[in-house]
Amino acid sequence: MTTSDSTDPSPPTPVVRLAMVTLDCADPGPVADFWAEVLGWDKAYGDESYAMLTGPSHALGFGKVEGWQPPAWPDTAGAKQFHLDLAVEDIAAAEQRCVELGATVPDEQPADHEEGTWRVLRDPAGHLFCLTEAKSWG
């Protein structure tokens, strides 16, 4: 981890630049199509074993892994490993559209979901992601 002197207002010099995140899945095509619609990104490439979306400054890839299984939710054993937090203006409307595109909504939700600030969903491959209030991100 890079540290910086608290008196130096400039950010630390990065060692790398994040170019893409790749998600493992059983069938890249449908998962890439889902995320292309949700994010409004272009599908730059797709075949039977891999697909890639390009966004404004990053890319999102989907790689086929034989025998891949979606993570458990709730995740008491720590096998989930990651999830995407997506900022939206209207959680209910975004949830409805994501479900129309193939997402599912797990019965188990975070404790504060009743306040309308978070909603957990699964993409068509079973990857977890959260819809969050955009105003929470500044």
Protein backbone atom coordinates (compact mmCIF):
# COMPACT_ATOMS: atom_id res chain seq x y z
CA MET A 1 0.00 0.00 0.00
CA THR A 2 1.30 3.45 -0.88
CA THR A 3 1.55 5.96 1.93
CA SER A 4 1.98 9.68 1.71
CA ASP A 5 3.21 12.38 4.05
CA SER A 6 0.19 13.98 5.71
CA THR A 7 1.69 17.44 5.05
CA ASP A 8 1.95 16.78 1.30
CA PRO A 9 -1.39 17.65 -0.36
CA SER A 10 -0.54 15.86 -3.63
CA PRO A 11 -1.82 12.32 -4.13
CA PRO A 12 0.70 9.49 -4.16
CA THR A 13 2.14 8.46 -7.50
CA PRO A 14 0.30 5.35 -8.66
CA VAL A 15 2.22 2.20 -9.41
CA VAL A 16 -0.46 0.92 -11.81
CA ARG A 17 -3.68 2.03 -13.48
CA LEU A 18 -6.77 -0.16 -13.19
CA ALA A 19 -7.72 -1.01 -16.77
CA MET A 20 -10.26 -3.80 -16.37
CA VAL A 21 -11.98 -6.06 -13.88
CA THR A 22 -12.75 -9.58 -15.15
CA LEU A 23 -15.53 -11.69 -13.65
CA ASP A 24 -15.49 -15.47 -13.86
CA CYS A 25 -18.71 -17.09 -15.04
CA ALA A 26 -20.07 -20.19 -16.78
CA ASP A 27 -21.33 -18.42 -19.92
CA PRO A 28 -19.82 -14.98 -20.75
CA GLY A 29 -22.27 -13.92 -23.48
CA PRO A 30 -25.49 -13.45 -21.49
CA VAL A 31 -23.65 -11.95 -18.52
CA ALA A 32 -21.86 -9.43 -20.77
CA ASP A 33 -25.16 -8.57 -22.49
CA PHE A 34 -26.78 -7.95 -19.10
CA TRP A 35 -23.99 -5.64 -17.91
CA ALA A 36 -23.85 -3.82 -21.27
CA GLU A 37 -27.50 -2.86 -20.80
CA VAL A 38 -27.18 -2.03 -17.09
CA LEU A 39 -24.07 0.15 -17.50
CA GLY A 40 -24.79 1.46 -21.01
CA TRP A 41 -21.35 0.27 -22.14
CA ASP A 42 -20.37 -1.11 -25.55
CA LYS A 43 -19.63 -4.79 -26.03
CA ALA A 44 -16.15 -4.64 -27.56
CA TYR A 45 -15.60 -8.39 -27.92
CA GLY A 46 -17.37 -11.67 -27.38
CA ASP A 47 -16.85 -15.35 -28.11
CA GLU A 48 -17.70 -18.61 -26.34
CA SER A 49 -15.01 -18.20 -23.71
CA TYR A 50 -14.65 -14.46 -23.18
CA ALA A 51 -16.47 -11.14 -23.54
CA MET A 52 -15.41 -7.56 -22.85
CA LEU A 53 -17.28 -4.29 -22.34
CA THR A 54 -15.66 -0.89 -22.64
CA GLY A 55 -16.74 2.04 -20.52
CA PRO A 56 -15.64 5.67 -20.25
CA SER A 57 -12.35 4.88 -18.50
CA HIS A 58 -12.31 1.15 -17.71
CA ALA A 59 -13.33 -2.19 -19.12
CA LEU A 60 -15.28 -5.10 -17.68
CA GLY A 61 -14.44 -8.63 -18.81
CA PHE A 62 -16.19 -11.96 -18.45
CA GLY A 63 -14.20 -15.19 -18.63
CA LYS A 64 -15.62 -18.69 -18.92
CA VAL A 65 -14.60 -21.02 -16.10
CA GLU A 66 -15.76 -24.64 -16.29
CA GLY A 67 -17.69 -25.63 -13.19
CA TRP A 68 -18.01 -22.03 -11.97
CA GLN A 69 -20.51 -21.59 -9.14
CA PRO A 70 -22.00 -18.28 -7.98
CA PRO A 71 -21.12 -17.02 -4.50
CA ALA A 72 -23.37 -17.66 -1.52
CA TRP A 73 -25.55 -14.93 -0.08
CA PRO A 74 -25.63 -14.12 2.71
CA ASP A 75 -21.93 -14.76 2.81
CA THR A 76 -21.01 -15.87 6.31
CA ALA A 77 -17.93 -17.82 5.16
CA GLY A 78 -16.32 -15.01 3.15
CA ALA A 79 -16.56 -16.82 -0.19
CA LYS A 80 -18.22 -13.87 -1.96
CA GLN A 81 -14.85 -12.12 -2.37
CA PHE A 82 -16.20 -8.95 -4.07
CA HIS A 83 -19.29 -7.17 -5.33
CA LEU A 84 -20.01 -4.04 -7.33
CA ASP A 85 -21.64 -1.00 -5.71
CA LEU A 86 -23.58 0.93 -8.36
CA ALA A 87 -24.79 4.49 -7.77
CA VAL A 88 -28.35 5.16 -8.96
CA GLU A 89 -30.80 8.03 -8.63
CA ASP A 90 -33.85 5.79 -8.05
CA ILE A 91 -33.15 2.40 -6.45
CA ALA A 92 -36.64 0.99 -7.10
CA ALA A 93 -36.60 1.97 -10.78
CA ALA A 94 -33.06 0.65 -11.27
CA GLU A 95 -33.98 -2.60 -9.51
CA GLN A 96 -37.03 -3.05 -11.74
CA ARG A 97 -34.96 -2.48 -14.90
CA CYS A 98 -32.18 -4.82 -13.75
CA VAL A 99 -34.75 -7.55 -13.04
CA GLU A 100 -36.27 -7.01 -16.51
CA LEU A 101 -32.76 -7.54 -17.92
CA GLY A 102 -32.26 -10.79 -16.00
CA ALA A 103 -31.14 -9.91 -12.47
CA THR A 104 -32.68 -11.59 -9.45
CA VAL A 105 -33.28 -10.19 -5.97
CA PRO A 106 -32.18 -12.39 -3.05
CA ASP A 107 -34.62 -12.64 -0.14
CA GLU A 108 -31.83 -11.74 2.29
CA GLN A 109 -31.05 -7.99 2.22
CA PRO A 110 -28.82 -5.73 4.34
CA ALA A 111 -30.35 -4.47 7.57
CA ASP A 112 -30.58 -0.89 6.26
CA HIS A 113 -32.36 -1.81 3.01
CA GLU A 114 -35.65 -0.81 4.62
CA GLU A 115 -34.34 2.77 4.64
CA GLY A 116 -34.02 2.52 0.86
CA THR A 117 -30.28 3.16 0.71
CA TRP A 118 -29.07 -0.30 -0.49
CA ARG A 119 -30.48 -3.18 -2.50
CA VAL A 120 -28.60 -6.43 -3.22
CA LEU A 121 -29.17 -8.14 -6.58
CA ARG A 122 -27.57 -10.97 -8.57
CA ASP A 123 -26.63 -10.73 -12.24
CA PRO A 124 -27.67 -13.62 -14.55
CA ALA A 125 -24.51 -15.57 -13.59
CA GLY A 126 -25.11 -15.06 -9.86
CA HIS A 127 -22.55 -12.29 -9.16
CA LEU A 128 -23.75 -10.05 -6.37
CA PHE A 129 -24.07 -6.29 -6.84
CA CYS A 130 -25.64 -3.47 -4.86
CA LEU A 131 -27.74 -0.59 -6.04
CA THR A 132 -26.97 2.41 -3.84
CA GLU A 133 -28.19 5.98 -3.62
CA ALA A 134 -26.05 8.17 -5.88
CA LYS A 135 -26.24 11.03 -3.36
CA SER A 136 -24.30 8.84 -0.91
CA TRP A 137 -21.28 8.97 -3.22
CA GLY A 138 -21.01 12.75 -3.36
